[in-house]
Amino acid sequence: MGRASLRTDILLATHFVLNEALPRWLKSFRPLKLRERAILWPSQSSNSNGTSFGNDPLLGTYTRSLDGDSSTALDSGDSRTPTGVAQTKIKEMREQAEYQVVDHKSRPEPETFFLATYYYTQKIIGSDLAHDEDLSTIMNQKSFVETYGAYLQIQTCLSAAASVKDEVAISAILKAATNDPCHRDAVREIYNSNSNGLLFYDSGKLSALLQCLTDVRSETKEERRTVLRDLCVSGYPDIQPWQVRDACLSSPQPNSNSNGTREQRSDTVMEALYYSYLSRLLNPVDGHEPARQDVDLVKEFCEWSVGTRHQPGKEKKATRSMENFVNVASRSSIHHESYRRDLVMLLDLSMTIENHDLALDLVDEIFGNEKLSSNKTALDRALCSLRNIGGIALVFCSDPSKETKGFETLRRIFGLFEKMATNRSSSVCRNSITIPDELFALFQQWKIQTGSNGDDPKMYLLIDFAIEVSSVPGDVVRALLLWSAASKNHHHHQFGGSLCSRLEDLLCRGIHFAALNGELSGTRLRLRYARTTFRELGSDSSTREGRGSGDNTKSQTAGIWETMATGNLPIEK
């Protein structure tokens, strides 16, 4: 059976299970109520209160261990008061008693939990039908969770919903989780934690962490916000960055579990918390590799680092950490290979913060990238950046205090122009630039900027610099021809005799570079002349030999000369 046939069979089988078998199976039994979830998923503390469930296959397969960290339960009320503690203990005892009296034969098989969860995650989560207001359909999020929520594996459902950003599903599952003793144990554990103690993340804490995260804006203790942040970092990818972002940066909402609106932390505090979360999540040493390979997440991290990311309607923030941005953007950083980098995005950010040296490094990297050097959009962005930086560099060149920096930048720009025009691997790159036009534009800007008449020392300062740094003098000659033609058309002062010596220098430099590149060689000219001579000698010798012998057979000597004349003579070394 071929792979294509096997793949087709799998698709057909999956379609049958999700659309035919499981819907009928779900309607074939009367499910337990959501509030009875505690009977099916008893808390870990029940195991430590003298009751042994070690031989229970249901618990052995599906009860999520909290690694012995949880010892009490937390209901929706405030259990810190004596009344709350008493109510919590009573509820624990009731749940334990209910579990003990349940006939093990009447409880569902482990497969029931798996199939209900499989159908919910594969068919309902993320689907448009799941948000249908018709509560009578099995595909409705609310009705399905209310009907079969006692059987759902909370952590699996939350992870699936987070991966497709289904907030309706997450809300419904968290509501169902309030009936789960394990969930309440984990909430209590997180609530009692502090930054001085160790609290490790495991999947059993996922629902509790999400519930605590929704109230992070109203959390008054910084150490508890720190605990939540660290758990969110450890919980990736179960907890997605968009969930942390929404919890930290969304507009404050009234707390439904309290009377009135609780005090909210400021936007500055919450933005700092979210950025510290991103910094730890994407840390090149201790962070998560899959997160560093997420292009959108890396982009967001860079935008926060340089201060270009801000909430709509709110003022722009200052740079947070240039070091983090450089770790991603600069090839000089030892960590840049740890990230999946969008070079064009990094170039745009570098231009925004006016880090022109880094921008030129990124342009150089774009031209050397096999894929981007054939991407017209990327090349246009790179060329536009070079033009903008070139204009700024010219301004520096006319300022005595910045002149050195300006000409150094221009030297790099001229080199990148030539690298773009001579790219051997991409004709798209070569055809995207005409260097004489770029030089002509710089000459024009310089003339206007310096107030030159076009034939004075001010003008020749830039022309001499272009002649000196260009490795393709012909481009400078053509740029000067454009400049001369433009001067004639506008009746400006034409170039005088001072240009002749510079043209002579350009021609000499052109000959020098042609010789270095093998385009002009005295040895090659002499060989060409010698071959012509050999060919003539061979022809004359063949003629004489033929006349003397009376046949058309060429002599051995003539054959050697002819072979040498064509450059095909083999020489044994």
Protein backbone atom coordinates (compact mmCIF):
# COMPACT_ATOMS: atom_id res chain seq x y z
CA MET A 1 0.00 0.00 0.00
CA GLY A 2 1.43 3.34 -1.05
CA ARG A 3 1.78 6.33 1.23
CA ALA A 4 -0.88 8.27 -0.64
CA SER A 5 -3.35 5.40 -0.29
CA LEU A 6 -2.54 5.01 3.41
CA ARG A 7 -2.99 8.73 3.97
CA THR A 8 -6.37 8.61 2.26
CA ASP A 9 -7.49 5.69 4.43
CA ILE A 10 -6.47 7.58 7.57
CA LEU A 11 -8.43 10.64 6.51
CA LEU A 12 -11.52 8.57 5.75
CA ALA A 13 -11.26 6.72 9.06
CA THR A 14 -10.84 9.98 11.00
CA HIS A 15 -13.82 11.49 9.20
CA PHE A 16 -15.96 8.48 10.06
CA VAL A 17 -14.95 8.50 13.74
CA LEU A 18 -15.53 12.24 14.22
CA ASN A 19 -18.66 12.66 12.13
CA GLU A 20 -20.45 9.33 12.47
CA ALA A 21 -19.27 7.12 15.31
CA LEU A 22 -18.49 9.50 18.18
CA PRO A 23 -21.61 11.72 17.89
CA ARG A 24 -23.82 8.62 18.13
CA TRP A 25 -21.73 7.18 20.94
CA LEU A 26 -21.99 10.40 22.97
CA LYS A 27 -25.77 10.27 22.71
CA SER A 28 -25.90 6.62 23.71
CA PHE A 29 -25.37 7.13 27.46
CA ARG A 30 -26.49 9.50 30.16
CA PRO A 31 -23.44 11.47 31.32
CA LEU A 32 -22.75 12.46 34.89
CA LYS A 33 -23.41 16.06 35.84
CA LEU A 34 -20.55 18.52 35.74
CA ARG A 35 -20.74 19.01 39.51
CA GLU A 36 -20.05 15.27 39.91
CA ARG A 37 -16.62 15.65 38.32
CA ALA A 38 -15.08 15.36 41.80
CA ILE A 39 -16.21 11.72 41.89
CA LEU A 40 -14.34 10.91 38.68
CA TRP A 41 -11.27 13.07 39.34
CA PRO A 42 -10.61 13.01 43.11
CA SER A 43 -7.94 15.29 44.51
CA GLN A 44 -4.46 14.06 45.30
CA SER A 45 -5.09 14.88 48.94
CA SER A 46 -7.75 12.16 49.00
CA ASN A 47 -4.97 9.68 48.29
CA SER A 48 -3.00 10.85 51.33
CA ASN A 49 -5.89 10.73 53.84
CA GLY A 50 -5.76 7.04 54.53
CA THR A 51 -7.66 5.85 51.46
CA SER A 52 -5.80 3.65 49.01
CA PHE A 53 -6.61 3.85 45.31
CA GLY A 54 -3.42 2.28 44.11
CA ASN A 55 -5.25 -0.55 42.36
CA ASP A 56 -7.75 1.74 40.64
CA PRO A 57 -6.98 1.70 36.88
CA LEU A 58 -8.97 4.89 36.41
CA LEU A 59 -6.80 6.86 38.83
CA GLY A 60 -3.64 5.16 37.66
CA THR A 61 -4.30 6.31 34.12
CA TYR A 62 -5.86 9.73 34.42
CA THR A 63 -5.27 11.37 37.81
CA ARG A 64 -2.70 14.13 37.33
CA SER A 65 -0.08 14.07 40.06
CA LEU A 66 0.85 17.29 41.77
CA ASP A 67 4.17 15.74 42.89
CA GLY A 68 3.02 15.79 46.51
CA ASP A 69 2.92 19.61 46.59
CA SER A 70 -0.80 20.08 47.20
CA SER A 71 -2.43 19.31 50.50
CA THR A 72 -5.63 21.34 50.68
CA ALA A 73 -8.47 22.37 48.41
CA LEU A 74 -9.79 25.79 47.50
CA ASP A 75 -13.34 26.56 46.49
CA SER A 76 -14.59 29.71 44.80
CA GLY A 77 -14.89 31.57 48.09
CA ASP A 78 -12.21 33.06 50.31
CA SER A 79 -10.83 30.15 52.34
CA ARG A 80 -8.42 32.25 54.37
CA THR A 81 -11.13 32.98 56.95
CA PRO A 82 -11.97 30.37 59.62
CA THR A 83 -15.37 29.90 58.00
CA GLY A 84 -13.76 29.38 54.61
CA VAL A 85 -11.32 26.80 55.97
CA ALA A 86 -14.15 24.88 57.62
CA GLN A 87 -16.20 24.92 54.41
CA THR A 88 -13.21 23.67 52.46
CA LYS A 89 -12.64 20.76 54.84
CA ILE A 90 -16.33 19.83 54.78
CA LYS A 91 -16.30 19.85 50.98
CA GLU A 92 -13.20 17.65 50.90
CA MET A 93 -14.78 15.12 53.24
CA ARG A 94 -18.00 15.09 51.21
CA GLU A 95 -16.11 14.48 47.96
CA GLN A 96 -14.06 11.70 49.54
CA ALA A 97 -17.17 10.04 50.92
CA GLU A 98 -18.93 10.28 47.55
CA TYR A 99 -15.99 8.67 45.83
CA GLN A 100 -15.79 5.82 48.33
CA VAL A 101 -19.45 4.89 48.00
CA VAL A 102 -19.39 4.82 44.22
CA ASP A 103 -19.45 1.30 42.85
CA HIS A 104 -16.26 0.84 40.84
CA LYS A 105 -18.18 -1.16 38.26
CA SER A 106 -20.52 1.77 37.64
CA ARG A 107 -17.73 4.22 36.90
CA PRO A 108 -16.72 4.82 33.28
CA GLU A 109 -13.89 3.02 31.59
CA PRO A 110 -10.72 5.08 30.96
CA GLU A 111 -11.50 5.07 27.23
CA THR A 112 -14.60 7.18 27.93
CA PHE A 113 -12.43 10.07 29.10
CA PHE A 114 -10.13 9.74 26.12
CA LEU A 115 -12.91 9.60 23.51
CA ALA A 116 -14.85 12.53 24.98
CA THR A 117 -11.66 14.61 25.10
CA TYR A 118 -10.64 13.53 21.60
CA TYR A 119 -13.98 14.54 20.10
CA TYR A 120 -13.97 17.88 21.90
CA THR A 121 -10.42 18.83 20.92
CA GLN A 122 -10.61 17.61 17.32
CA LYS A 123 -14.15 18.55 16.35
CA ILE A 124 -15.36 21.41 18.53
CA ILE A 125 -12.38 23.49 19.66
CA GLY A 126 -11.49 26.04 17.02
CA SER A 127 -14.55 25.38 14.83
CA ASP A 128 -16.99 28.10 13.79
CA LEU A 129 -19.95 25.91 14.73
CA ALA A 130 -18.68 25.78 18.30
CA HIS A 131 -19.79 29.38 18.82
CA ASP A 132 -23.34 28.72 17.61
CA GLU A 133 -25.91 30.18 20.00
CA ASP A 134 -28.16 27.16 19.55
CA LEU A 135 -27.58 25.30 22.81
CA SER A 136 -29.41 22.22 21.56
CA THR A 137 -26.60 21.24 19.20
CA ILE A 138 -23.78 19.04 20.40
CA MET A 139 -21.33 21.31 18.60
CA ASN A 140 -21.97 24.27 20.87
CA GLN A 141 -19.06 24.95 23.23
CA LYS A 142 -21.17 25.77 26.26
CA SER A 143 -23.63 22.93 25.90
CA PHE A 144 -20.94 20.31 25.25
CA VAL A 145 -18.85 21.27 28.27
CA GLU A 146 -21.92 21.45 30.50
CA THR A 147 -23.05 18.02 29.30
CA TYR A 148 -19.79 16.08 29.05
CA GLY A 149 -17.44 18.29 31.10
CA ALA A 150 -17.16 15.69 33.85
CA TYR A 151 -15.26 13.42 31.43
CA LEU A 152 -12.93 15.96 29.81
CA GLN A 153 -9.21 15.98 30.50
CA ILE A 154 -8.84 19.62 31.49
CA GLN A 155 -5.17 20.08 30.67
CA THR A 156 -5.42 18.48 27.23
CA CYS A 157 -8.42 20.63 26.34
CA LEU A 158 -6.77 23.85 27.55
CA SER A 159 -3.59 23.16 25.58
CA ALA A 160 -5.58 22.44 22.42
CA ALA A 161 -7.69 25.59 22.84
CA ALA A 162 -4.61 27.75 23.46
CA SER A 163 -2.89 26.48 20.31
CA VAL A 164 -5.79 27.72 18.14
CA LYS A 165 -6.55 30.75 20.34
CA ASP A 166 -10.11 29.66 21.14
CA GLU A 167 -10.96 31.93 24.06
CA VAL A 168 -14.56 30.69 24.24
CA ALA A 169 -13.36 27.14 24.80
CA ILE A 170 -10.82 28.22 27.42
CA SER A 171 -13.48 30.13 29.34
CA ALA A 172 -15.86 27.14 29.27
CA ILE A 173 -13.16 24.69 30.36
CA LEU A 174 -11.97 26.89 33.23
CA LYS A 175 -15.54 27.13 34.45
CA ALA A 176 -15.78 23.34 34.41
CA ALA A 177 -12.44 23.07 36.20
CA THR A 178 -13.88 24.73 39.30
CA ASN A 179 -15.60 21.39 39.96
CA ASP A 180 -12.25 19.56 39.86
CA PRO A 181 -10.54 18.94 43.24
CA CYS A 182 -7.13 18.75 41.58
CA HIS A 183 -7.70 22.20 40.13
CA ARG A 184 -8.60 23.64 43.51
CA ASP A 185 -5.56 22.02 45.11
CA ALA A 186 -3.31 23.65 42.51
CA VAL A 187 -4.94 27.06 42.96
CA ARG A 188 -4.29 26.83 46.70
CA GLU A 189 -0.68 25.83 46.09
CA ILE A 190 -0.06 28.74 43.73
CA TYR A 191 -1.83 31.18 46.03
CA ASN A 192 0.32 30.17 49.01
CA SER A 193 3.58 30.29 47.07
CA ASN A 194 6.14 33.09 47.12
CA SER A 195 9.25 33.99 45.18
CA ASN A 196 11.54 32.63 47.91
CA GLY A 197 10.19 29.09 47.64
CA LEU A 198 10.41 26.61 44.78
CA LEU A 199 7.25 25.94 42.81
CA PHE A 200 7.66 23.84 39.71
CA TYR A 201 5.21 23.74 36.84
CA ASP A 202 3.48 20.53 35.79
CA SER A 203 0.47 19.99 33.56
CA GLY A 204 -1.76 19.52 36.60
CA LYS A 205 -1.32 23.21 37.42
CA LEU A 206 -2.36 24.48 33.98
CA SER A 207 -5.99 25.32 34.73
CA ALA A 208 -5.10 26.79 38.13
CA LEU A 209 -2.36 28.93 36.60
CA LEU A 210 -4.71 30.27 33.94
CA GLN A 211 -7.30 31.12 36.58
CA CYS A 212 -4.71 32.97 38.69
CA LEU A 213 -3.37 34.69 35.59
CA THR A 214 -6.75 36.29 34.86
CA ASP A 215 -6.42 38.23 38.13
CA VAL A 216 -2.78 39.23 37.74
CA ARG A 217 -3.63 42.90 37.18
CA SER A 218 -5.27 43.08 40.59
CA GLU A 219 -2.50 41.18 42.37
CA THR A 220 -0.98 43.55 44.94
CA LYS A 221 2.11 41.50 45.83
CA GLU A 222 5.00 41.74 43.40
CA GLU A 223 6.42 38.40 44.55
CA ARG A 224 3.21 36.63 43.56
CA ARG A 225 3.26 38.28 40.15
CA THR A 226 6.83 37.02 39.83
CA VAL A 227 5.73 33.48 40.71
CA LEU A 228 3.00 33.61 38.06
CA ARG A 229 5.45 34.94 35.48
CA ASP A 230 7.96 32.16 36.16
CA LEU A 231 5.26 29.49 36.01
CA CYS A 232 4.07 30.88 32.67
CA VAL A 233 7.61 30.66 31.32
CA SER A 234 7.94 27.06 32.55
CA GLY A 235 4.47 26.24 31.23
CA TYR A 236 5.25 27.09 27.61
CA PRO A 237 3.82 25.88 25.22
CA ASP A 238 0.83 24.78 27.35
CA ILE A 239 0.43 28.46 28.17
CA GLN A 240 0.86 30.54 25.06
CA PRO A 241 2.37 34.06 25.01
CA TRP A 242 -0.90 35.54 23.75
CA GLN A 243 -2.59 34.42 26.96
CA VAL A 244 0.03 36.15 29.10
CA ARG A 245 -0.17 39.24 26.87
CA ASP A 246 -3.94 39.47 27.21
CA ALA A 247 -3.79 39.02 30.97
CA CYS A 248 -1.12 41.71 31.40
CA LEU A 249 -2.05 44.26 28.75
CA SER A 250 -5.80 44.03 28.23
CA SER A 251 -7.99 46.79 29.64
CA PRO A 252 -8.82 46.28 33.33
CA GLN A 253 -12.10 44.45 33.91
CA PRO A 254 -14.20 44.33 37.09
CA ASN A 255 -13.52 41.22 39.15
CA SER A 256 -16.65 39.09 39.19
CA ASN A 257 -15.62 37.35 42.41
CA SER A 258 -15.45 40.52 44.47
CA ASN A 259 -17.73 43.33 45.39
CA GLY A 260 -16.96 46.23 43.12
CA THR A 261 -13.78 46.74 41.16
CA ARG A 262 -10.47 45.79 42.77
CA GLU A 263 -7.50 48.08 42.44
CA GLN A 264 -5.60 47.46 39.21
CA ARG A 265 -1.85 47.69 38.64
CA SER A 266 -0.67 50.47 36.33
CA ASP A 267 0.06 49.88 32.65
CA THR A 268 3.74 50.55 33.33
CA VAL A 269 3.90 47.76 35.91
CA MET A 270 2.06 45.29 33.70
CA GLU A 271 4.11 46.10 30.60
CA ALA A 272 7.30 45.59 32.60
CA LEU A 273 5.95 42.24 33.81
CA TYR A 274 5.10 41.11 30.29
CA TYR A 275 8.47 42.18 28.90
CA SER A 276 10.29 40.32 31.68
CA TYR A 277 8.20 37.26 30.72
CA LEU A 278 9.29 37.56 27.08
CA SER A 279 12.92 38.08 28.11
CA ARG A 280 12.95 34.85 30.09
CA LEU A 281 10.94 32.90 27.55
CA LEU A 282 13.30 33.88 24.70
CA ASN A 283 16.51 33.87 26.71
CA PRO A 284 19.22 32.41 24.43
CA VAL A 285 20.55 30.18 27.22
CA ASP A 286 17.69 29.34 29.59
CA GLY A 287 14.66 30.04 27.39
CA HIS A 288 12.63 27.78 25.11
CA GLU A 289 14.04 26.86 21.70
CA PRO A 290 10.58 26.57 20.03
CA ALA A 291 9.76 30.09 21.24
CA ARG A 292 12.98 31.46 19.73
CA GLN A 293 11.99 29.88 16.40
CA ASP A 294 8.62 31.68 16.38
CA VAL A 295 9.18 34.59 13.96
CA ASP A 296 6.18 36.59 15.18
CA LEU A 297 7.17 36.20 18.82
CA VAL A 298 10.78 37.21 18.09
CA LYS A 299 9.48 40.25 16.23
CA GLU A 300 7.30 41.25 19.18
CA PHE A 301 10.24 40.79 21.55
CA CYS A 302 12.44 43.02 19.38
CA GLU A 303 9.76 45.70 19.16
CA TRP A 304 9.37 45.75 22.93
CA SER A 305 13.16 45.85 23.34
CA VAL A 306 13.65 48.95 21.19
CA GLY A 307 10.49 50.67 22.39
CA THR A 308 8.48 50.63 19.16
CA ARG A 309 5.80 48.29 20.54
CA HIS A 310 3.05 50.06 22.44
CA GLN A 311 -0.63 49.78 23.14
CA PRO A 312 -3.03 51.46 20.66
CA GLY A 313 -3.91 54.96 21.80
CA LYS A 314 -0.99 55.09 24.23
CA GLU A 315 2.28 56.92 23.91
CA LYS A 316 5.41 55.24 22.68
CA LYS A 317 7.69 53.76 25.32
CA ALA A 318 11.43 54.24 25.72
CA THR A 319 13.96 51.60 24.74
CA ARG A 320 13.85 48.73 27.24
CA SER A 321 16.88 46.63 26.40
CA MET A 322 19.09 47.33 23.42
CA GLU A 323 21.22 44.37 24.46
CA ASN A 324 18.33 41.96 23.86
CA PHE A 325 17.72 43.47 20.42
CA VAL A 326 21.40 43.27 19.49
CA ASN A 327 21.49 39.62 20.60
CA VAL A 328 18.93 38.91 17.90
CA ALA A 329 19.87 41.38 15.17
CA SER A 330 23.65 41.56 15.12
CA ARG A 331 25.90 38.90 13.63
CA SER A 332 28.57 40.01 16.08
CA SER A 333 26.47 38.56 18.91
CA ILE A 334 27.27 34.99 19.90
CA HIS A 335 23.54 34.39 20.40
CA HIS A 336 22.14 35.55 17.05
CA GLU A 337 22.03 32.01 15.65
CA SER A 338 19.75 30.97 18.52
CA TYR A 339 16.87 32.89 16.95
CA ARG A 340 14.91 32.58 13.75
CA ARG A 341 15.61 36.03 12.37
CA ASP A 342 13.54 38.06 9.94
CA LEU A 343 16.30 40.20 8.41
CA VAL A 344 13.94 42.66 6.74
CA MET A 345 12.05 43.22 10.00
CA LEU A 346 15.31 43.72 11.87
CA LEU A 347 16.45 46.17 9.20
CA ASP A 348 13.26 48.20 9.57
CA LEU A 349 13.66 48.34 13.35
CA SER A 350 17.32 49.35 13.02
CA MET A 351 16.32 52.19 10.72
CA THR A 352 13.54 53.23 13.11
CA ILE A 353 15.95 53.57 16.03
CA GLU A 354 18.59 55.09 13.69
CA ASN A 355 21.23 52.45 14.39
CA HIS A 356 22.77 52.83 10.94
CA ASP A 357 25.83 50.65 11.52
CA LEU A 358 23.59 47.72 12.44
CA ALA A 359 21.32 48.52 9.50
CA LEU A 360 24.28 48.34 7.10
CA ASP A 361 25.30 45.00 8.60
CA LEU A 362 21.79 43.68 7.97
CA VAL A 363 21.77 44.99 4.38
CA ASP A 364 25.07 43.19 3.81
CA GLU A 365 23.51 40.02 5.25
CA ILE A 366 20.44 40.36 3.01
CA PHE A 367 22.63 40.63 -0.10
CA GLY A 368 24.50 37.50 0.98
CA ASN A 369 21.34 35.52 1.71
CA GLU A 370 20.47 33.19 -1.17
CA LYS A 371 16.72 33.55 -0.69
CA LEU A 372 16.47 37.25 0.13
CA SER A 373 18.93 38.28 -2.59
CA SER A 374 16.32 37.07 -5.10
CA ASN A 375 13.38 38.68 -3.28
CA LYS A 376 12.48 41.95 -5.00
CA THR A 377 10.63 43.33 -1.98
CA ALA A 378 13.54 42.67 0.37
CA LEU A 379 16.01 44.17 -2.11
CA ASP A 380 13.90 47.31 -2.52
CA ARG A 381 13.76 47.75 1.28
CA ALA A 382 17.52 47.28 1.52
CA LEU A 383 18.23 49.75 -1.30
CA CYS A 384 15.84 52.29 0.21
CA SER A 385 17.69 51.98 3.52
CA LEU A 386 21.03 52.53 1.78
CA ARG A 387 19.71 55.68 0.13
CA ASN A 388 18.35 57.05 3.40
CA ILE A 389 21.58 56.33 5.27
CA GLY A 390 23.58 57.82 2.38
CA GLY A 391 21.61 61.05 2.61
CA ILE A 392 22.27 61.26 6.35
CA ALA A 393 25.96 60.45 5.83
CA LEU A 394 26.28 63.33 3.36
CA VAL A 395 24.95 65.70 6.01
CA PHE A 396 27.59 64.39 8.42
CA CYS A 397 30.29 64.90 5.77
CA SER A 398 29.65 68.65 5.70
CA ASP A 399 29.88 68.89 9.50
CA PRO A 400 33.53 69.09 10.66
CA SER A 401 32.71 67.32 13.93
CA LYS A 402 31.05 64.38 12.15
CA GLU A 403 32.98 64.38 8.88
CA THR A 404 35.04 61.27 9.63
CA LYS A 405 31.99 59.22 10.58
CA GLY A 406 30.11 60.45 7.50
CA PHE A 407 32.79 59.40 5.03
CA GLU A 408 33.25 56.03 6.78
CA THR A 409 29.54 55.38 6.34
CA LEU A 410 29.67 56.47 2.69
CA ARG A 411 32.55 54.08 2.08
CA ARG A 412 30.42 51.18 3.39
CA ILE A 413 27.45 52.30 1.29
CA PHE A 414 29.51 52.44 -1.92
CA GLY A 415 30.79 48.94 -1.16
CA LEU A 416 27.25 47.63 -0.65
CA PHE A 417 26.13 49.27 -3.90
CA GLU A 418 28.85 47.34 -5.72
CA LYS A 419 28.09 44.10 -3.85
CA MET A 420 24.48 44.40 -4.96
CA ALA A 421 25.42 45.16 -8.58
CA THR A 422 27.91 42.29 -8.84
CA ASN A 423 25.92 39.57 -7.04
CA ARG A 424 26.77 36.41 -8.96
CA SER A 425 24.01 34.23 -7.53
CA SER A 426 21.04 36.50 -8.29
CA SER A 427 20.23 38.36 -11.48
CA VAL A 428 17.32 39.97 -9.62
CA CYS A 429 19.81 41.56 -7.25
CA ARG A 430 22.10 42.74 -10.06
CA ASN A 431 19.22 44.24 -12.02
CA SER A 432 17.77 46.08 -9.01
CA ILE A 433 20.43 48.78 -8.96
CA THR A 434 22.20 51.10 -11.38
CA ILE A 435 25.22 52.47 -9.57
CA PRO A 436 25.75 55.55 -11.81
CA ASP A 437 22.20 56.67 -11.01
CA GLU A 438 22.83 56.24 -7.26
CA LEU A 439 26.08 58.22 -7.45
CA PHE A 440 24.43 60.91 -9.55
CA ALA A 441 21.71 61.33 -6.90
CA LEU A 442 24.37 61.72 -4.19
CA PHE A 443 26.23 64.28 -6.31
CA GLN A 444 23.04 66.29 -6.71
CA GLN A 445 22.28 66.24 -2.98
CA TRP A 446 25.85 67.23 -2.15
CA LYS A 447 25.76 70.16 -4.60
CA ILE A 448 22.55 71.52 -3.06
CA GLN A 449 23.71 70.86 0.49
CA THR A 450 27.09 72.60 0.10
CA GLY A 451 25.89 75.40 -2.18
CA SER A 452 28.44 74.37 -4.81
CA ASN A 453 28.40 75.68 -8.38
CA GLY A 454 29.33 72.20 -9.61
CA ASP A 455 32.96 72.93 -10.46
CA ASP A 456 34.62 73.99 -7.25
CA PRO A 457 36.60 72.36 -4.41
CA LYS A 458 33.41 71.64 -2.49
CA MET A 459 32.03 69.54 -5.34
CA TYR A 460 35.31 67.79 -6.04
CA LEU A 461 35.61 66.71 -2.40
CA LEU A 462 32.84 64.15 -2.95
CA ILE A 463 33.91 63.32 -6.51
CA ASP A 464 37.47 62.60 -5.38
CA PHE A 465 36.14 60.42 -2.58
CA ALA A 466 33.99 58.43 -5.04
CA ILE A 467 36.99 57.97 -7.34
CA GLU A 468 39.14 56.78 -4.44
CA VAL A 469 36.77 54.18 -2.96
CA SER A 470 35.14 52.82 -6.12
CA SER A 471 36.41 49.46 -7.36
CA VAL A 472 34.43 49.91 -10.58
CA PRO A 473 35.71 53.25 -11.95
CA GLY A 474 33.49 52.92 -15.00
CA ASP A 475 30.46 53.53 -12.77
CA VAL A 476 31.96 56.82 -11.58
CA VAL A 477 32.72 57.84 -15.17
CA ARG A 478 29.11 57.18 -16.19
CA ALA A 479 27.86 59.07 -13.13
CA LEU A 480 30.00 62.06 -14.13
CA LEU A 481 28.60 61.87 -17.67
CA LEU A 482 25.09 62.06 -16.21
CA TRP A 483 26.21 64.98 -14.07
CA SER A 484 27.71 66.77 -17.06
CA ALA A 485 24.57 66.20 -19.16
CA ALA A 486 22.35 67.52 -16.38
CA SER A 487 24.55 70.62 -16.05
CA LYS A 488 24.23 71.34 -19.76
CA ASN A 489 20.46 70.86 -19.77
CA HIS A 490 20.03 73.30 -16.90
CA HIS A 491 22.65 75.75 -18.21
CA HIS A 492 24.70 75.34 -15.08
CA HIS A 493 28.42 75.88 -14.87
CA GLN A 494 30.03 73.05 -16.81
CA PHE A 495 33.06 71.14 -15.66
CA GLY A 496 36.34 72.77 -16.41
CA GLY A 497 39.78 71.39 -17.03
CA SER A 498 40.11 70.21 -13.45
CA LEU A 499 37.98 67.21 -14.37
CA CYS A 500 40.40 65.96 -17.01
CA SER A 501 43.04 64.88 -14.52
CA ARG A 502 40.40 63.04 -12.53
CA LEU A 503 39.15 61.25 -15.64
CA GLU A 504 42.74 60.20 -16.31
CA ASP A 505 42.97 58.82 -12.76
CA LEU A 506 39.71 56.93 -13.29
CA LEU A 507 41.00 55.37 -16.52
CA CYS A 508 44.22 54.31 -14.82
CA ARG A 509 42.28 52.78 -11.94
CA GLY A 510 40.05 51.02 -14.45
CA ILE A 511 43.06 49.47 -16.17
CA HIS A 512 44.49 48.45 -12.79
CA PHE A 513 41.30 46.69 -11.66
CA ALA A 514 40.85 45.07 -15.08
CA ALA A 515 44.35 43.62 -14.80
CA LEU A 516 43.67 42.36 -11.28
CA ASN A 517 40.48 40.67 -12.43
CA GLY A 518 42.18 39.04 -15.41
CA GLU A 519 40.23 41.14 -17.88
CA LEU A 520 43.41 42.81 -19.20
CA SER A 521 46.71 40.92 -19.21
CA GLY A 522 49.97 41.59 -21.09
CA THR A 523 50.82 37.89 -20.96
CA ARG A 524 47.50 36.94 -22.51
CA LEU A 525 48.07 39.47 -25.31
CA ARG A 526 51.52 38.05 -26.01
CA LEU A 527 50.15 34.48 -26.08
CA ARG A 528 47.43 35.52 -28.47
CA TYR A 529 50.02 37.11 -30.76
CA ALA A 530 52.26 34.03 -30.52
CA ARG A 531 49.40 31.68 -31.37
CA THR A 532 48.64 33.72 -34.46
CA THR A 533 52.29 33.47 -35.48
CA PHE A 534 52.37 29.72 -34.82
CA ARG A 535 49.24 29.24 -36.86
CA GLU A 536 50.80 31.05 -39.81
CA LEU A 537 54.05 29.09 -39.49
CA GLY A 538 52.16 25.82 -39.32
CA SER A 539 50.18 26.68 -42.42
CA ASP A 540 53.31 27.53 -44.41
CA SER A 541 55.08 24.37 -43.24
CA SER A 542 52.14 22.17 -44.19
CA THR A 543 52.05 23.68 -47.64
CA ARG A 544 55.76 23.05 -48.22
CA GLU A 545 55.58 19.50 -46.89
CA GLY A 546 52.62 18.70 -49.09
CA ARG A 547 54.32 19.97 -52.20
CA GLY A 548 57.53 18.05 -51.51
CA SER A 549 55.97 14.65 -50.79
CA GLY A 550 53.16 14.75 -53.28
CA ASP A 551 50.50 13.68 -50.76
CA ASN A 552 48.08 15.39 -48.35
CA THR A 553 49.57 13.98 -45.13
CA LYS A 554 50.58 16.68 -42.64
CA SER A 555 53.95 16.49 -41.01
CA GLN A 556 54.39 15.84 -37.31
CA THR A 557 56.00 19.26 -36.86
CA ALA A 558 53.06 21.07 -38.46
CA GLY A 559 50.63 19.19 -36.20
CA ILE A 560 52.44 20.35 -33.06
CA TRP A 561 52.44 23.96 -34.20
CA GLU A 562 48.78 23.85 -35.08
CA THR A 563 47.89 22.32 -31.70
CA MET A 564 49.96 24.92 -29.89
CA ALA A 565 48.40 27.71 -31.94
CA THR A 566 44.91 26.66 -30.84
CA GLY A 567 45.99 26.30 -27.21
CA ASN A 568 45.30 22.54 -27.09
CA LEU A 569 48.85 21.15 -26.83
CA PRO A 570 49.06 18.54 -23.99
CA ILE A 571 52.20 18.74 -21.87
CA GLU A 572 53.33 15.82 -19.70
CA LYS A 573 54.54 16.99 -16.30
